[in-house]
Amino acid sequence: MPIVEYKKNGTEGWRQVTPVKTQYDHPESEYTRREIYTALITELEPNSTYIFKLENSAWANPETVLYSYKTLDLDNFTILFGGDVGNRYQTATMNKNTVSKVKFSI
């Protein structure tokens, strides 16, 4: 099981989140079996940068890579989704949470 840790940029101490293995139906044409996990991180501050890392001792290359993510500036943003985020309950929940605090105006 992978380990997901994150912290706000410039702060000490990593917080750990337990990922959940998602169900994935492997097509017959897929030459390897994938394991896909989802980790929900809550209570992030707007307009802030967070550092996160994913680790799993079972990976062929266990080297830790640090990634960064900047949360939305709720007064000025554009949402763009890319890649294969799936079409499951977890994805729908993530999408709903993404726009839950957005104030729409016409």
N, C-alpha and C. Protein backbone atom coordinates (compact mmCIF):
# COMPACT_ATOMS: atom_id res chain seq x y z
N MET A 1 0.85 -1.18 0.00
CA MET A 1 0.00 0.00 0.00
C MET A 1 0.90 1.24 0.00
N PRO A 2 0.64 2.18 -0.90
CA PRO A 2 1.45 3.40 -0.91
C PRO A 2 1.18 4.27 0.31
N ILE A 3 2.13 5.12 0.61
CA ILE A 3 2.01 6.10 1.69
C ILE A 3 1.94 7.47 1.05
N VAL A 4 0.96 8.28 1.44
CA VAL A 4 0.81 9.64 0.93
C VAL A 4 1.02 10.59 2.10
N GLU A 5 1.96 11.52 1.94
CA GLU A 5 2.21 12.53 2.96
C GLU A 5 2.23 13.90 2.30
N TYR A 6 1.79 14.91 3.06
CA TYR A 6 1.77 16.27 2.53
C TYR A 6 2.03 17.27 3.65
N LYS A 7 2.43 18.48 3.24
CA LYS A 7 2.58 19.58 4.18
C LYS A 7 2.48 20.88 3.40
N LYS A 8 2.10 21.93 4.11
CA LYS A 8 2.06 23.25 3.50
C LYS A 8 3.50 23.71 3.30
N ASN A 9 3.79 24.27 2.15
CA ASN A 9 5.13 24.73 1.84
C ASN A 9 5.62 25.70 2.91
N GLY A 10 6.84 25.47 3.40
CA GLY A 10 7.43 26.34 4.41
C GLY A 10 7.12 25.93 5.84
N THR A 11 6.37 24.85 6.03
CA THR A 11 6.06 24.39 7.38
C THR A 11 6.81 23.10 7.68
N GLU A 12 6.84 22.74 8.95
CA GLU A 12 7.50 21.51 9.38
C GLU A 12 6.45 20.43 9.58
N GLY A 13 6.88 19.20 9.54
CA GLY A 13 6.00 18.08 9.87
C GLY A 13 5.07 17.67 8.74
N TRP A 14 5.23 16.42 8.34
CA TRP A 14 4.38 15.86 7.29
C TRP A 14 3.11 15.29 7.90
N ARG A 15 1.99 15.43 7.19
CA ARG A 15 0.72 14.81 7.58
C ARG A 15 0.49 13.63 6.66
N GLN A 16 0.03 12.53 7.21
CA GLN A 16 -0.17 11.33 6.41
C GLN A 16 -1.65 11.12 6.12
N VAL A 17 -1.93 10.67 4.89
CA VAL A 17 -3.29 10.36 4.46
C VAL A 17 -3.31 8.90 4.03
N THR A 18 -4.32 8.18 4.40
CA THR A 18 -4.43 6.77 4.01
C THR A 18 -5.14 6.68 2.67
N PRO A 19 -4.44 6.19 1.65
CA PRO A 19 -5.09 6.05 0.34
C PRO A 19 -6.02 4.83 0.33
N VAL A 20 -7.00 4.88 -0.57
CA VAL A 20 -7.95 3.80 -0.72
C VAL A 20 -7.78 3.22 -2.12
N LYS A 21 -7.66 1.90 -2.19
CA LYS A 21 -7.52 1.26 -3.49
C LYS A 21 -8.86 1.31 -4.21
N THR A 22 -8.85 1.82 -5.43
CA THR A 22 -10.09 1.93 -6.20
C THR A 22 -10.24 0.71 -7.10
N GLN A 23 -11.47 0.43 -7.42
CA GLN A 23 -11.76 -0.70 -8.30
C GLN A 23 -11.41 -0.30 -9.73
N TYR A 24 -10.72 -1.18 -10.43
CA TYR A 24 -10.33 -0.91 -11.81
C TYR A 24 -10.49 -2.19 -12.62
N ASP A 25 -11.31 -2.12 -13.65
CA ASP A 25 -11.52 -3.26 -14.54
C ASP A 25 -10.48 -3.22 -15.65
N HIS A 26 -9.52 -4.11 -15.58
CA HIS A 26 -8.43 -4.15 -16.55
C HIS A 26 -8.94 -4.67 -17.89
N PRO A 27 -8.76 -3.91 -18.98
CA PRO A 27 -9.13 -4.45 -20.28
C PRO A 27 -8.17 -5.58 -20.67
N GLU A 28 -8.65 -6.50 -21.47
CA GLU A 28 -7.81 -7.62 -21.88
C GLU A 28 -6.58 -7.17 -22.64
N SER A 29 -6.67 -6.03 -23.32
CA SER A 29 -5.55 -5.53 -24.12
C SER A 29 -4.43 -4.93 -23.26
N GLU A 30 -4.69 -4.69 -21.98
CA GLU A 30 -3.69 -4.08 -21.10
C GLU A 30 -2.65 -5.13 -20.73
N TYR A 31 -1.39 -4.84 -21.03
CA TYR A 31 -0.33 -5.82 -20.83
C TYR A 31 0.18 -5.91 -19.39
N THR A 32 -0.15 -4.95 -18.55
CA THR A 32 0.22 -5.03 -17.14
C THR A 32 -1.00 -4.75 -16.28
N ARG A 33 -0.95 -5.20 -15.05
CA ARG A 33 -2.04 -4.96 -14.11
C ARG A 33 -1.70 -3.72 -13.30
N ARG A 34 -2.63 -2.80 -13.23
CA ARG A 34 -2.40 -1.57 -12.48
C ARG A 34 -3.18 -1.59 -11.18
N GLU A 35 -2.64 -0.92 -10.20
CA GLU A 35 -3.35 -0.66 -8.96
C GLU A 35 -3.52 0.84 -8.87
N ILE A 36 -4.74 1.28 -8.68
CA ILE A 36 -5.05 2.70 -8.65
C ILE A 36 -5.58 3.04 -7.26
N TYR A 37 -5.04 4.08 -6.66
CA TYR A 37 -5.42 4.51 -5.32
C TYR A 37 -5.92 5.95 -5.36
N THR A 38 -6.77 6.29 -4.41
CA THR A 38 -7.29 7.64 -4.26
C THR A 38 -7.00 8.09 -2.83
N ALA A 39 -6.54 9.32 -2.68
CA ALA A 39 -6.32 9.88 -1.34
C ALA A 39 -7.00 11.25 -1.30
N LEU A 40 -7.89 11.43 -0.36
CA LEU A 40 -8.61 12.69 -0.22
C LEU A 40 -7.96 13.51 0.88
N ILE A 41 -7.49 14.70 0.53
CA ILE A 41 -6.86 15.61 1.49
C ILE A 41 -7.83 16.76 1.71
N THR A 42 -8.20 17.00 2.94
CA THR A 42 -9.19 18.04 3.25
C THR A 42 -8.56 19.17 4.05
N GLU A 43 -9.29 20.24 4.20
CA GLU A 43 -8.93 21.39 5.02
C GLU A 43 -7.66 22.09 4.54
N LEU A 44 -7.45 22.14 3.22
CA LEU A 44 -6.32 22.90 2.68
C LEU A 44 -6.71 24.37 2.62
N GLU A 45 -5.74 25.23 2.81
CA GLU A 45 -6.00 26.67 2.79
C GLU A 45 -5.99 27.18 1.35
N PRO A 46 -6.89 28.11 1.01
CA PRO A 46 -6.90 28.67 -0.35
C PRO A 46 -5.60 29.42 -0.65
N ASN A 47 -5.26 29.47 -1.92
CA ASN A 47 -4.11 30.24 -2.42
C ASN A 47 -2.82 29.88 -1.68
N SER A 48 -2.61 28.58 -1.45
CA SER A 48 -1.43 28.09 -0.73
C SER A 48 -0.79 26.96 -1.51
N THR A 49 0.52 26.80 -1.37
CA THR A 49 1.23 25.72 -2.03
C THR A 49 1.51 24.61 -1.03
N TYR A 50 1.22 23.38 -1.46
CA TYR A 50 1.45 22.20 -0.63
C TYR A 50 2.45 21.29 -1.34
N ILE A 51 3.27 20.64 -0.56
CA ILE A 51 4.23 19.66 -1.06
C ILE A 51 3.69 18.29 -0.67
N PHE A 52 3.74 17.33 -1.60
CA PHE A 52 3.32 15.99 -1.24
C PHE A 52 4.25 14.96 -1.84
N LYS A 53 4.23 13.78 -1.23
CA LYS A 53 5.08 12.70 -1.70
C LYS A 53 4.32 11.38 -1.60
N LEU A 54 4.66 10.48 -2.50
CA LEU A 54 4.06 9.16 -2.56
C LEU A 54 5.18 8.15 -2.41
N GLU A 55 5.04 7.20 -1.52
CA GLU A 55 6.08 6.20 -1.31
C GLU A 55 5.44 4.82 -1.22
N ASN A 56 6.17 3.83 -1.73
CA ASN A 56 5.73 2.45 -1.63
C ASN A 56 6.96 1.57 -1.72
N SER A 57 7.23 0.83 -0.67
CA SER A 57 8.45 0.01 -0.64
C SER A 57 8.42 -1.10 -1.69
N ALA A 58 7.25 -1.42 -2.24
CA ALA A 58 7.15 -2.47 -3.25
C ALA A 58 7.48 -1.97 -4.66
N TRP A 59 7.62 -0.66 -4.84
CA TRP A 59 7.90 -0.13 -6.17
C TRP A 59 9.32 -0.49 -6.58
N ALA A 60 9.53 -0.68 -7.88
CA ALA A 60 10.86 -1.03 -8.41
C ALA A 60 11.87 0.07 -8.10
N ASN A 61 11.44 1.33 -8.15
CA ASN A 61 12.32 2.45 -7.84
C ASN A 61 11.72 3.19 -6.64
N PRO A 62 12.13 2.86 -5.42
CA PRO A 62 11.51 3.46 -4.24
C PRO A 62 11.95 4.89 -3.94
N GLU A 63 12.68 5.53 -4.84
CA GLU A 63 13.13 6.90 -4.61
C GLU A 63 11.93 7.83 -4.42
N THR A 64 11.99 8.66 -3.40
CA THR A 64 10.91 9.59 -3.11
C THR A 64 11.01 10.82 -4.01
N VAL A 65 9.91 11.15 -4.65
CA VAL A 65 9.83 12.34 -5.49
C VAL A 65 8.85 13.30 -4.82
N LEU A 66 9.23 14.56 -4.72
CA LEU A 66 8.35 15.58 -4.13
C LEU A 66 7.58 16.28 -5.24
N TYR A 67 6.30 16.47 -5.01
CA TYR A 67 5.43 17.16 -5.95
C TYR A 67 4.85 18.38 -5.24
N SER A 68 4.41 19.36 -5.99
CA SER A 68 3.77 20.52 -5.37
C SER A 68 2.40 20.75 -6.00
N TYR A 69 1.54 21.34 -5.21
CA TYR A 69 0.19 21.64 -5.65
C TYR A 69 -0.22 22.97 -5.04
N LYS A 70 -0.74 23.87 -5.85
CA LYS A 70 -1.20 25.17 -5.34
C LYS A 70 -2.72 25.16 -5.34
N THR A 71 -3.29 25.45 -4.18
CA THR A 71 -4.74 25.49 -4.06
C THR A 71 -5.28 26.73 -4.75
N LEU A 72 -6.56 26.71 -5.01
CA LEU A 72 -7.20 27.80 -5.75
C LEU A 72 -7.20 29.11 -4.99
N ASP A 73 -7.00 30.17 -5.73
CA ASP A 73 -7.30 31.51 -5.23
C ASP A 73 -8.79 31.68 -5.51
N LEU A 74 -9.63 31.59 -4.50
CA LEU A 74 -11.08 31.55 -4.70
C LEU A 74 -11.64 32.78 -5.39
N ASP A 75 -10.88 33.84 -5.49
CA ASP A 75 -11.35 35.04 -6.17
C ASP A 75 -10.92 35.10 -7.63
N ASN A 76 -10.00 34.22 -8.05
CA ASN A 76 -9.48 34.31 -9.41
C ASN A 76 -8.91 32.95 -9.84
N PHE A 77 -9.68 32.16 -10.57
CA PHE A 77 -9.18 30.84 -10.96
C PHE A 77 -9.92 30.31 -12.20
N THR A 78 -9.31 29.30 -12.79
CA THR A 78 -9.90 28.54 -13.88
C THR A 78 -9.70 27.07 -13.55
N ILE A 79 -10.72 26.25 -13.77
CA ILE A 79 -10.61 24.82 -13.50
C ILE A 79 -10.37 24.08 -14.81
N LEU A 80 -9.36 23.22 -14.81
CA LEU A 80 -9.04 22.41 -15.98
C LEU A 80 -8.71 21.01 -15.50
N PHE A 81 -9.47 20.03 -15.96
CA PHE A 81 -9.19 18.64 -15.62
C PHE A 81 -8.54 17.98 -16.82
N GLY A 82 -7.58 17.11 -16.56
CA GLY A 82 -6.93 16.40 -17.65
C GLY A 82 -6.56 15.00 -17.23
N GLY A 83 -6.24 14.20 -18.20
CA GLY A 83 -5.83 12.84 -17.90
C GLY A 83 -7.03 11.93 -17.78
N ASP A 84 -6.81 10.78 -17.21
CA ASP A 84 -7.84 9.78 -17.05
C ASP A 84 -8.25 9.73 -15.59
N VAL A 85 -9.21 10.59 -15.22
CA VAL A 85 -9.62 10.65 -13.82
C VAL A 85 -10.71 9.63 -13.49
N GLY A 86 -11.19 8.93 -14.50
CA GLY A 86 -12.17 7.88 -14.25
C GLY A 86 -13.59 8.42 -14.15
N ASN A 87 -14.50 7.50 -13.95
CA ASN A 87 -15.91 7.86 -13.87
C ASN A 87 -16.55 7.05 -12.76
N ARG A 88 -16.05 7.20 -11.57
CA ARG A 88 -16.51 6.46 -10.41
C ARG A 88 -17.03 7.43 -9.35
N TYR A 89 -17.59 6.86 -8.29
CA TYR A 89 -18.11 7.66 -7.20
C TYR A 89 -17.05 8.60 -6.64
N GLN A 90 -15.81 8.09 -6.46
CA GLN A 90 -14.73 8.91 -5.89
C GLN A 90 -14.44 10.11 -6.79
N THR A 91 -14.46 9.90 -8.10
CA THR A 91 -14.19 10.99 -9.04
C THR A 91 -15.31 12.01 -8.99
N ALA A 92 -16.55 11.56 -8.98
CA ALA A 92 -17.68 12.48 -8.90
C ALA A 92 -17.62 13.30 -7.61
N THR A 93 -17.24 12.65 -6.51
CA THR A 93 -17.10 13.35 -5.24
C THR A 93 -15.98 14.39 -5.31
N MET A 94 -14.84 14.02 -5.92
CA MET A 94 -13.73 14.96 -6.08
C MET A 94 -14.17 16.18 -6.89
N ASN A 95 -14.88 15.94 -7.99
CA ASN A 95 -15.33 17.05 -8.83
C ASN A 95 -16.31 17.95 -8.07
N LYS A 96 -17.22 17.36 -7.32
CA LYS A 96 -18.17 18.13 -6.54
C LYS A 96 -17.45 18.96 -5.48
N ASN A 97 -16.47 18.35 -4.80
CA ASN A 97 -15.70 19.08 -3.78
C ASN A 97 -14.90 20.22 -4.39
N THR A 98 -14.42 20.03 -5.62
CA THR A 98 -13.61 21.05 -6.28
C THR A 98 -14.39 22.36 -6.43
N VAL A 99 -15.66 22.25 -6.76
CA VAL A 99 -16.45 23.47 -7.01
C VAL A 99 -17.40 23.82 -5.88
N SER A 100 -17.32 23.14 -4.74
CA SER A 100 -18.28 23.34 -3.67
C SER A 100 -18.24 24.74 -3.07
N LYS A 101 -17.09 25.40 -3.07
CA LYS A 101 -16.99 26.73 -2.47
C LYS A 101 -16.95 27.85 -3.50
N VAL A 102 -17.20 27.49 -4.76
CA VAL A 102 -17.14 28.48 -5.82
C VAL A 102 -18.43 29.30 -5.82
N LYS A 103 -18.26 30.60 -5.93
CA LYS A 103 -19.41 31.50 -6.02
C LYS A 103 -19.56 31.86 -7.49
N PHE A 104 -20.63 31.37 -8.11
CA PHE A 104 -20.86 31.62 -9.53
C PHE A 104 -21.61 32.92 -9.71
N SER A 105 -21.26 33.65 -10.75
CA SER A 105 -22.00 34.86 -11.10
C SER A 105 -22.19 34.89 -12.60
N ILE A 106 -23.28 35.41 -13.02
CA ILE A 106 -23.58 35.48 -14.46
C ILE A 106 -23.61 36.92 -14.92
